[in-house]
Amino acid sequence: MSMLECFFPKSMRVEQKEAFIFEFKVLDSDEETLEDTLAAAHRRIAEKKYEAELVSRGFSPEKIRKYGFAFQGKECLIG
């Protein structure tokens, strides 16, 4: 499931705000390491064009931060 939501105070202009994109992914059988899973999370961010959606809403690309979260059991890698 993919979802893009924006929340911010109405008093701020959109181009002044920072945006964060988070993609959460669990290690799949075709991935050997959490680093592979993290890379897959970042590929998914690009494939789903989340940044383009935010830019179309007025966010500056320089203010958009992208983070992948890779999980295997209790281990987590963020990048």
C-alpha atoms as a PDB file:
ATOM      1  CA  MET A   1       0.000   0.000   0.000  1.00  0.00           C
ATOM      2  CA  SER A   2       1.285   3.449  -0.875  1.00  0.00           C
ATOM      3  CA  MET A   3       0.039   6.699   0.520  1.00  0.00           C
ATOM      4  CA  LEU A   4       1.116  10.311   0.280  1.00  0.00           C
ATOM      5  CA  GLU A   5      -0.185  12.754   2.870  1.00  0.00           C
ATOM      6  CA  CYS A   6       0.765  16.353   3.606  1.00  0.00           C
ATOM      7  CA  PHE A   7       0.187  18.054   6.938  1.00  0.00           C
ATOM      8  CA  PHE A   8       1.283  21.603   7.751  1.00  0.00           C
ATOM      9  CA  PRO A   9       0.046  24.794   9.416  1.00  0.00           C
ATOM     10  CA  LYS A  10      -2.008  27.006   7.109  1.00  0.00           C
ATOM     11  CA  SER A  11       0.001  30.073   8.149  1.00  0.00           C
ATOM     12  CA  MET A  12       3.138  28.827   6.301  1.00  0.00           C
ATOM     13  CA  ARG A  13       3.616  28.930   2.541  1.00  0.00           C
ATOM     14  CA  VAL A  14       4.166  25.482   1.026  1.00  0.00           C
ATOM     15  CA  GLU A  15       7.487  26.392  -0.616  1.00  0.00           C
ATOM     16  CA  GLN A  16       8.902  27.274   2.826  1.00  0.00           C
ATOM     17  CA  LYS A  17       8.072  23.904   4.336  1.00  0.00           C
ATOM     18  CA  GLU A  18      10.200  20.803   4.490  1.00  0.00           C
ATOM     19  CA  ALA A  19       8.690  17.541   3.305  1.00  0.00           C
ATOM     20  CA  PHE A  20       9.687  14.020   4.292  1.00  0.00           C
ATOM     21  CA  ILE A  21       9.097  10.848   2.317  1.00  0.00           C
ATOM     22  CA  PHE A  22       9.312   7.571   4.274  1.00  0.00           C
ATOM     23  CA  GLU A  23       9.295   4.145   2.630  1.00  0.00           C
ATOM     24  CA  PHE A  24       9.151   1.091   4.919  1.00  0.00           C
ATOM     25  CA  LYS A  25      10.243  -2.282   3.572  1.00  0.00           C
ATOM     26  CA  VAL A  26      10.829  -5.735   5.050  1.00  0.00           C
ATOM     27  CA  LEU A  27      13.710  -7.856   3.717  1.00  0.00           C
ATOM     28  CA  ASP A  28      12.403 -10.071   0.883  1.00  0.00           C
ATOM     29  CA  SER A  29      13.701 -13.468  -0.176  1.00  0.00           C
ATOM     30  CA  ASP A  30      15.319 -11.878  -3.262  1.00  0.00           C
ATOM     31  CA  GLU A  31      17.345  -9.490  -1.077  1.00  0.00           C
ATOM     32  CA  GLU A  32      20.435 -10.687   0.766  1.00  0.00           C
ATOM     33  CA  THR A  33      21.095  -7.796   3.140  1.00  0.00           C
ATOM     34  CA  LEU A  34      19.367  -4.858   4.787  1.00  0.00           C
ATOM     35  CA  GLU A  35      21.408  -2.650   2.465  1.00  0.00           C
ATOM     36  CA  ASP A  36      19.691  -4.368  -0.501  1.00  0.00           C
ATOM     37  CA  THR A  37      16.309  -3.759   1.117  1.00  0.00           C
ATOM     38  CA  LEU A  38      17.174  -0.125   1.777  1.00  0.00           C
ATOM     39  CA  ALA A  39      18.160   0.320  -1.873  1.00  0.00           C
ATOM     40  CA  ALA A  40      14.835  -1.281  -2.892  1.00  0.00           C
ATOM     41  CA  ALA A  41      12.986   1.197  -0.656  1.00  0.00           C
ATOM     42  CA  HIS A  42      14.701   4.119  -2.383  1.00  0.00           C
ATOM     43  CA  ARG A  43      13.922   2.627  -5.808  1.00  0.00           C
ATOM     44  CA  ARG A  44      10.269   2.422  -4.810  1.00  0.00           C
ATOM     45  CA  ILE A  45      10.267   6.101  -3.795  1.00  0.00           C
ATOM     46  CA  ALA A  46      11.562   6.945  -7.280  1.00  0.00           C
ATOM     47  CA  GLU A  47       9.172   4.537  -9.056  1.00  0.00           C
ATOM     48  CA  LYS A  48       6.111   5.909  -7.250  1.00  0.00           C
ATOM     49  CA  LYS A  49       7.216   9.491  -8.039  1.00  0.00           C
ATOM     50  CA  TYR A  50       6.425  10.742  -4.547  1.00  0.00           C
ATOM     51  CA  GLU A  51       8.832  13.669  -4.936  1.00  0.00           C
ATOM     52  CA  ALA A  52       7.154  14.776  -8.183  1.00  0.00           C
ATOM     53  CA  GLU A  53       3.790  14.748  -6.401  1.00  0.00           C
ATOM     54  CA  LEU A  54       5.139  17.009  -3.659  1.00  0.00           C
ATOM     55  CA  VAL A  55       6.775  19.351  -6.178  1.00  0.00           C
ATOM     56  CA  SER A  56       3.435  19.600  -8.010  1.00  0.00           C
ATOM     57  CA  ARG A  57       1.893  20.676  -4.702  1.00  0.00           C
ATOM     58  CA  GLY A  58       4.428  23.510  -4.435  1.00  0.00           C
ATOM     59  CA  PHE A  59       7.221  22.012  -2.333  1.00  0.00           C
ATOM     60  CA  SER A  60      10.770  22.956  -3.285  1.00  0.00           C
ATOM     61  CA  PRO A  61      12.855  19.882  -4.305  1.00  0.00           C
ATOM     62  CA  GLU A  62      15.654  21.105  -2.012  1.00  0.00           C
ATOM     63  CA  LYS A  63      13.258  20.880   0.943  1.00  0.00           C
ATOM     64  CA  ILE A  64      12.215  17.257   0.290  1.00  0.00           C
ATOM     65  CA  ARG A  65      14.007  14.565   2.320  1.00  0.00           C
ATOM     66  CA  LYS A  66      13.702  10.886   1.382  1.00  0.00           C
ATOM     67  CA  TYR A  67      14.257   8.064   3.877  1.00  0.00           C
ATOM     68  CA  GLY A  68      14.090   4.333   3.477  1.00  0.00           C
ATOM     69  CA  PHE A  69      13.503   2.005   6.426  1.00  0.00           C
ATOM     70  CA  ALA A  70      14.661  -1.600   5.981  1.00  0.00           C
ATOM     71  CA  PHE A  71      13.590  -4.276   8.480  1.00  0.00           C
ATOM     72  CA  GLN A  72      14.602  -7.840   9.228  1.00  0.00           C
ATOM     73  CA  GLY A  73      13.162  -9.114  12.479  1.00  0.00           C
ATOM     74  CA  LYS A  74      14.219  -6.640  15.182  1.00  0.00           C
ATOM     75  CA  GLU A  75      16.966  -5.122  13.026  1.00  0.00           C
ATOM     76  CA  CYS A  76      16.384  -1.865  11.188  1.00  0.00           C
ATOM     77  CA  LEU A  77      18.509   0.158   8.775  1.00  0.00           C
ATOM     78  CA  ILE A  78      17.535   3.746   7.976  1.00  0.00           C
ATOM     79  CA  GLY A  79      19.005   5.764   5.172  1.00  0.00           C
END
